[in-house]
Protein backbone atom coordinates (compact mmCIF):
# COMPACT_ATOMS: atom_id res chain seq x y z
CA MET A 1 89.00 15.60 -130.30
CA ASN A 2 87.43 17.44 -127.19
CA ILE A 3 85.04 15.45 -125.28
CA VAL A 4 82.13 16.60 -123.39
CA LYS A 5 80.23 13.90 -120.95
CA SER A 6 77.26 14.97 -119.33
CA LYS A 7 73.95 13.70 -117.46
CA ASN A 8 71.58 15.45 -119.83
CA PRO A 9 71.10 17.99 -122.88
CA ILE A 10 71.20 21.42 -120.55
CA GLU A 11 74.20 20.15 -118.82
CA ALA A 12 76.00 19.58 -122.01
CA TRP A 13 75.19 23.01 -123.17
CA GLU A 14 76.24 24.81 -120.24
CA LYS A 15 79.54 22.74 -120.32
CA ILE A 16 80.26 23.79 -123.68
CA LEU A 17 79.24 27.31 -123.48
CA GLU A 18 81.27 27.86 -120.28
CA ASN A 19 84.35 26.47 -122.05
CA PHE A 20 83.96 29.10 -124.85
CA LEU A 21 83.26 31.68 -122.13
CA ILE A 22 86.30 31.19 -120.25
CA LYS A 23 88.40 30.12 -123.59
CA LYS A 24 89.61 26.88 -122.14
CA PRO A 25 93.14 26.60 -123.39
CA ASP A 26 92.77 22.91 -124.61
CA TRP A 27 89.87 23.71 -126.89
CA PHE A 28 91.38 26.97 -128.87
CA CYS A 29 95.30 26.26 -129.20
CA GLU A 30 96.83 26.01 -132.39
CA GLY A 31 95.30 23.35 -134.69
CA VAL A 32 92.41 22.58 -132.51
CA GLY A 33 90.74 26.26 -132.49
CA TYR A 34 91.20 29.63 -133.01
CA ASN A 35 89.84 33.17 -132.60
CA LEU A 36 88.70 35.19 -135.71
CA THR A 37 87.91 38.77 -134.79
CA ASP A 38 84.86 38.57 -132.15
CA SER A 39 84.46 34.69 -132.23
CA LEU A 40 85.85 31.49 -131.20
CA PHE A 41 85.93 28.52 -133.13
CA THR A 42 87.04 24.85 -132.17
CA TYR A 43 86.97 21.60 -134.11
CA ASP A 44 86.01 18.04 -133.70
CA LEU A 45 83.84 18.44 -130.67
CA MET A 46 82.40 15.11 -129.02
CA VAL A 47 79.19 15.51 -126.87
CA GLU A 48 77.97 12.30 -124.97
CA ILE A 49 74.76 12.84 -123.19
CA ALA A 50 73.70 9.86 -120.87
CA ASP A 51 70.16 10.69 -120.71
CA ALA A 52 68.37 12.57 -123.48
CA LYS A 53 65.64 13.78 -121.19
CA PHE A 54 65.28 17.59 -121.95
CA ASP A 55 64.38 19.96 -119.14
CA PRO A 56 60.62 20.92 -120.02
CA ASP A 57 60.90 24.11 -118.04
CA PHE A 58 63.90 25.61 -120.23
CA ASP A 59 62.58 28.91 -121.79
CA PHE A 60 63.94 29.35 -125.22
CA GLY A 61 61.67 32.66 -125.56
CA LYS A 62 62.85 34.28 -122.33
CA MET A 63 66.38 33.03 -122.96
CA PHE A 64 67.05 33.57 -126.33
CA GLY A 65 64.15 35.53 -127.67
CA TYR A 66 62.97 32.71 -129.98
CA THR A 67 59.27 32.18 -131.13
CA MET A 68 57.26 29.31 -132.22
CA THR A 69 58.58 30.41 -135.77
CA LYS A 70 61.80 29.24 -135.21
CA TRP A 71 60.81 25.40 -134.08
CA THR A 72 58.41 25.18 -136.84
CA GLY A 73 61.31 26.29 -139.27
CA LEU A 74 63.55 23.52 -138.02
CA ILE A 75 61.00 20.77 -138.40
CA THR A 76 59.74 21.97 -142.04
CA ASN A 77 63.45 22.29 -143.20
CA TYR A 78 65.38 19.36 -141.84
CA LEU A 79 62.85 16.66 -141.21
CA ASP A 80 60.84 14.64 -144.01
CA LEU A 81 58.33 13.18 -141.78
CA ASP A 82 57.24 10.45 -144.38
CA VAL A 83 61.09 9.17 -143.95
CA LEU A 84 60.88 9.43 -140.07
CA ASP A 85 57.55 7.41 -139.97
CA GLN A 86 59.67 4.87 -142.11
CA ALA A 87 62.39 4.64 -139.51
CA LYS A 88 59.89 4.54 -136.80
CA LEU A 89 58.05 1.45 -138.21
CA MET A 90 61.36 -0.11 -138.73
CA ILE A 91 62.83 0.64 -135.64
CA ARG A 92 59.69 -0.25 -133.31
CA LYS A 93 59.77 -3.48 -135.04
CA LEU A 94 63.26 -4.26 -134.19
CA GLU A 95 62.48 -2.98 -130.33
CA GLU A 96 59.81 -5.37 -130.17
CA ASN A 97 62.21 -8.25 -129.65
CA LYS A 98 65.19 -6.68 -128.13
CA THR A 99 66.36 -10.20 -127.08
CA VAL A 100 66.91 -11.18 -130.88
CA ASN A 101 67.86 -7.63 -131.90
CA ARG A 102 70.45 -6.54 -129.53
CA ASN A 103 72.22 -5.03 -132.25
CA TYR A 104 70.99 -2.63 -135.18
CA HIS A 105 72.18 0.70 -136.55
CA ILE A 106 70.08 2.76 -138.64
CA GLY A 107 71.21 5.54 -140.55
CA PHE A 108 69.52 8.86 -141.69
CA HIS A 109 70.08 11.98 -143.51
CA PHE A 110 68.42 15.34 -142.60
CA ALA A 111 66.27 16.83 -145.27
CA ASP A 112 66.94 20.48 -146.81
CA ASN A 113 63.35 21.06 -147.65
CA HIS A 114 63.88 24.89 -147.98
CA GLY A 115 66.40 24.26 -150.66
CA SER A 116 68.48 27.19 -149.25
CA GLY A 117 70.03 25.45 -146.15
CA LYS A 118 73.38 25.80 -145.07
CA GLY A 119 73.49 21.81 -144.25
CA CYS A 120 74.68 22.22 -140.74
CA LEU A 121 72.71 19.21 -139.66
CA VAL A 122 74.03 16.36 -141.87
CA GLY A 123 72.60 13.04 -140.41
CA GLY A 124 72.93 10.38 -137.91
CA ILE A 125 72.55 6.72 -136.87
CA PHE A 126 69.61 5.18 -134.74
CA SER A 127 71.60 2.42 -132.53
CA ARG A 128 71.23 -0.38 -130.36
CA LYS A 129 74.43 -2.07 -128.85
CA ILE A 130 75.05 -5.26 -127.09
CA GLY A 131 75.25 -5.22 -123.45
CA VAL A 132 74.06 -1.50 -123.11
CA GLU A 133 70.53 -1.13 -121.67
CA ASN A 134 68.99 1.91 -123.64
CA PRO A 135 69.14 2.74 -127.38
CA GLU A 136 71.64 5.64 -128.70
CA ILE A 137 71.14 8.32 -131.55
CA THR A 138 74.27 9.49 -132.83
CA VAL A 139 74.11 13.00 -134.78
CA ILE A 140 76.56 14.35 -137.21
CA LEU A 141 76.78 18.19 -137.59
CA ARG A 142 78.83 20.26 -139.84
CA SER A 143 78.68 23.30 -137.88
CA SER A 144 77.29 24.53 -134.92
CA GLU A 145 76.48 28.22 -133.51
CA ILE A 146 76.64 26.73 -129.61
CA VAL A 147 74.85 29.74 -127.89
CA THR A 148 71.31 29.78 -129.10
CA ARG A 149 71.03 27.21 -132.13
CA LEU A 150 72.78 24.10 -130.33
CA PRO A 151 70.34 23.91 -127.70
CA ILE A 152 67.39 23.87 -129.82
CA ASP A 153 69.18 21.48 -132.09
CA ILE A 154 69.58 19.31 -129.31
CA LEU A 155 65.90 19.36 -128.32
CA LEU A 156 65.17 18.43 -132.02
CA PHE A 157 67.20 15.44 -131.60
CA CYS A 158 65.65 14.56 -128.36
CA ARG A 159 62.00 15.00 -129.88
CA MET A 160 63.28 12.78 -132.74
CA GLY A 161 64.12 9.90 -130.49
CA GLN A 162 60.91 10.24 -128.74
CA TYR A 163 59.01 10.22 -132.16
CA ILE A 164 60.96 6.91 -133.05
CA TYR A 165 60.95 5.01 -129.98
CA GLY A 166 57.67 6.30 -128.00
CA HIS A 167 59.80 7.06 -125.09
CA ASP A 168 62.93 9.39 -123.97
CA ASN A 169 65.02 6.44 -122.68
CA PHE A 170 67.98 7.10 -124.93
CA SER A 171 71.30 8.33 -124.99
CA LEU A 172 72.61 10.93 -127.45
CA LYS A 173 75.81 11.68 -129.16
CA LEU A 174 76.78 14.74 -131.08
CA VAL A 175 79.80 14.88 -133.48
CA ILE A 176 80.53 18.39 -134.41
CA LYS A 177 83.05 19.23 -136.98
CA ALA A 178 83.34 22.95 -136.05
CA ALA A 179 81.82 24.70 -133.19
CA TRP A 180 81.79 28.49 -132.75
CA ALA A 181 80.48 31.37 -130.75
CA ASN A 182 80.16 35.26 -131.10
CA ASP A 183 81.62 37.25 -128.17
CA THR A 184 78.37 39.24 -128.07
CA THR A 185 75.89 36.47 -128.59
CA ILE A 186 77.60 34.80 -125.77
CA LEU A 187 76.27 37.37 -123.42
CA LEU A 188 72.94 35.69 -123.41
CA TYR A 189 74.19 33.32 -120.99
CA GLN A 190 73.83 36.24 -118.37
CA ASN A 191 70.10 35.08 -118.47
CA ARG A 192 71.23 31.99 -116.65
CA LYS A 193 74.29 32.71 -114.71
CA ASP A 194 76.23 35.94 -113.51
CA ILE A 195 79.02 36.02 -116.30
CA LYS A 196 81.26 38.22 -114.30
CA GLU A 197 81.34 35.64 -111.41
CA LEU A 198 81.69 32.61 -113.54
CA LEU A 199 84.73 34.49 -115.17
CA LYS A 200 86.05 35.43 -112.12
CA GLU A 201 85.97 32.14 -110.46
CA ASN A 202 87.10 30.09 -113.71
CA CYS A 203 88.88 31.96 -116.13
CA THR A 204 92.80 32.21 -115.99
CA ASP A 205 93.01 34.46 -119.18
CA GLU A 206 93.16 38.15 -117.97
CA VAL A 207 92.64 39.13 -121.69
CA ARG A 208 89.53 37.03 -122.03
CA ARG A 209 87.89 38.22 -118.91
CA LYS A 210 88.55 42.09 -119.60
CA LYS A 211 87.46 41.31 -123.13
CA ILE A 212 83.79 39.75 -122.03
CA ARG A 213 83.37 42.15 -119.08
CA LYS A 214 83.84 45.24 -121.38
CA SER A 215 81.57 43.60 -123.88
CA LEU A 216 78.98 42.98 -121.28
CA LYS A 217 79.30 46.55 -120.08
CA LYS A 218 78.94 48.11 -123.57
CA LEU A 219 75.91 46.18 -124.24
CA MET A 220 74.18 47.10 -120.78
CA THR A 221 74.85 50.71 -121.16
CA SER A 222 74.48 51.39 -125.03
CA ASP A 223 71.68 52.34 -127.08
CA GLU A 224 70.08 50.23 -129.95
CA ALA A 225 71.93 51.97 -132.76
CA GLY A 226 74.99 50.18 -132.20
CA TYR A 227 73.74 46.88 -132.39
CA LYS A 228 70.50 46.93 -134.72
CA THR A 229 72.43 46.29 -137.83
CA TYR A 230 73.82 42.99 -136.68
CA GLY A 231 71.06 40.39 -136.12
CA ASN A 232 72.54 37.94 -133.53
CA SER A 233 74.03 40.87 -131.72
CA PHE A 234 70.90 42.63 -131.71
CA ARG A 235 68.88 39.71 -130.43
CA ALA A 236 71.49 39.67 -127.42
CA PHE A 237 70.69 43.47 -126.94
CA LYS A 238 66.73 43.10 -126.96
CA VAL A 239 66.95 39.97 -124.54
CA LEU A 240 69.09 41.54 -122.13
CA ARG A 241 68.04 45.09 -122.00
CA LYS A 242 64.87 44.71 -120.38
CA ASP A 243 65.20 48.35 -119.10
CA LEU A 244 64.60 49.48 -122.46
CA GLY A 245 61.05 48.02 -122.60
CA TYR A 246 61.93 45.01 -124.47
CA LYS A 247 59.90 41.88 -123.74
CA GLN A 248 60.23 38.12 -124.84
CA LYS A 249 57.25 35.97 -124.85
CA SER A 250 57.96 32.42 -122.89
CA MET A 251 58.46 29.42 -125.08
CA LEU A 252 58.88 26.49 -122.86
CA ALA A 253 60.67 23.21 -124.35
CA SER A 254 57.82 21.34 -122.94
CA ALA A 255 55.68 23.09 -125.70
CA LEU A 256 57.83 21.93 -128.41
CA GLU A 257 56.82 18.74 -129.98
CA ILE A 258 57.26 17.28 -133.83
CA GLY A 259 53.60 16.28 -133.74
CA ASP A 260 51.37 13.20 -133.17
CA TRP A 261 49.03 12.03 -136.08
CA ASP A 262 48.14 8.89 -134.73
CA GLY A 263 44.44 8.16 -135.85
CA ILE A 264 44.57 10.88 -138.49
CA PRO A 265 44.13 9.62 -142.17
CA LEU A 266 47.05 11.13 -143.81
CA PRO A 267 47.77 10.68 -147.48
CA GLU A 268 50.42 8.15 -148.88
CA VAL A 269 52.84 11.15 -149.26
CA CYS A 270 52.69 13.96 -146.81
CA PRO A 271 56.47 14.81 -145.58
CA SER A 272 55.29 18.27 -144.51
CA ILE A 273 54.37 19.28 -140.89
CA LEU A 274 52.02 22.17 -141.89
CA LYS A 275 49.95 19.89 -144.34
CA ARG A 276 49.89 17.40 -141.70
CA ASN A 277 48.42 19.66 -138.98
CA MET A 278 46.27 21.10 -141.32
CA ILE A 279 44.69 17.64 -142.41
CA LYS A 280 44.48 16.85 -138.48
CA LYS A 281 42.71 20.11 -137.89
CA THR A 282 40.09 19.49 -140.60
CA TYR A 283 39.73 16.05 -139.71
CA LEU A 284 38.76 16.38 -136.11
CA LYS A 285 36.74 19.32 -136.77
CA PHE A 286 34.64 17.24 -139.45
CA THR A 287 34.44 14.21 -136.90
CA GLU A 288 33.71 16.26 -133.99
CA LYS A 289 30.78 18.26 -135.92
CA TYR A 290 29.32 15.00 -137.16
CA GLY A 291 30.10 12.79 -134.28
CA LEU A 292 31.89 10.33 -136.62
CA LYS A 293 34.44 7.63 -135.85
CA LEU A 294 36.15 6.46 -138.74
CA LYS A 295 37.88 3.14 -139.00
CA LEU A 296 41.73 3.13 -139.98
CA GLU A 297 43.63 0.32 -141.80
CA GLU A 298 44.98 -2.09 -139.27
CA SER A 299 48.13 -4.23 -139.69
CA GLY A 300 50.58 -6.40 -137.99
CA GLU A 301 49.98 -9.34 -135.79
CA LYS A 302 48.79 -7.02 -132.80
CA LYS A 303 46.34 -5.44 -135.04
CA ARG A 304 47.94 -1.85 -134.51
CA LYS A 305 46.39 1.07 -136.25
CA LYS A 306 48.67 2.65 -138.92
CA LEU A 307 48.30 5.69 -141.39
CA ILE A 308 50.92 4.95 -144.20
CA SER A 309 51.76 1.89 -145.93
CA PHE A 310 55.43 1.36 -146.81
CA SER A 311 56.94 -1.23 -148.95
CA SER A 312 58.32 -4.26 -147.18
CA SER A 313 62.13 -4.00 -146.35
CA GLU A 314 64.57 -6.88 -146.33
CA GLU A 315 65.31 -7.53 -142.72
CA ASP A 316 68.56 -9.68 -143.52
CA ASP A 317 70.48 -6.22 -144.02
CA MET A 318 68.80 -3.85 -141.19
CA ASP A 319 72.07 -3.71 -139.45
CA ASP A 320 73.51 -1.56 -142.16
CA SER A 321 70.02 -0.07 -143.51
CA GLU A 322 70.01 3.69 -144.35
CA LEU A 323 67.03 6.00 -144.54
CA THR A 324 67.37 9.07 -147.03
CA PRO A 325 64.72 11.49 -148.56
CA GLU A 326 66.91 11.37 -151.31
CA THR A 327 66.42 9.23 -154.46
CA ASP A 328 69.35 6.97 -155.09
CA GLU A 329 72.07 8.34 -157.80
């Protein structure tokens, strides 16, 4: 198993991508990884991120050509917000008394709300360990395209942790069964670092250096006809070829959140971010128009407001509890 240890999410992504870019021998030797046409694959990648604070200034729009539709699509497909709320209530209750609840492991599964997803995000565990100051989130990925998809997935995991814990003082672990990168899409890293210099200083594989340099030269000198029929390659072409008039809108990580519906009266079942945001917009417009302050249900010893009532759970078995949007089979 290949292990990447980093201080923060962006450092983790950079280390992974640069190992692909230079074709690190240990990652792509027989039985560990392989080269298939114009893509590299590696198996069983473990990523340990000590501090899950995502750089708020990382620009997904300028870097990859992403728009807000990409972020909203991730949330609507992979998250059941009702299940996430249930996890939040359970885990925050455990976190209230960390002296007693020094150890818990709450499992979860990602949803497939679109019904046509490839199941790249499988599930994970919210954990607290004895002797470890901060909680930890472990996420299991079936497969990950490491250039454009992995960084926005990591942001999603960070935002899930913030939603659950109410802060970002937690660590993150990723278990990726298969990680891969296309040799054209990986050229997007030119937006962050000089690829030629990076290869010159770090790549000992002469064949790899020549291949990536040739690919970069071709992309920067060709017209769009050679790339237009290939989705990810054309994305790299449009982002990097600023000389042809392509422009990408900024989309900073700081603007990408799951959502905040505290104080908004939601129905008992409301797993969709689109429906929640529509209700929030209507509610705020109504209360502002009529100057109303509606009183919400209160519960708990500290009389904290809550929006959704959940059936009580058995606390004795919380260490092995698993939250899943699917019904029991």
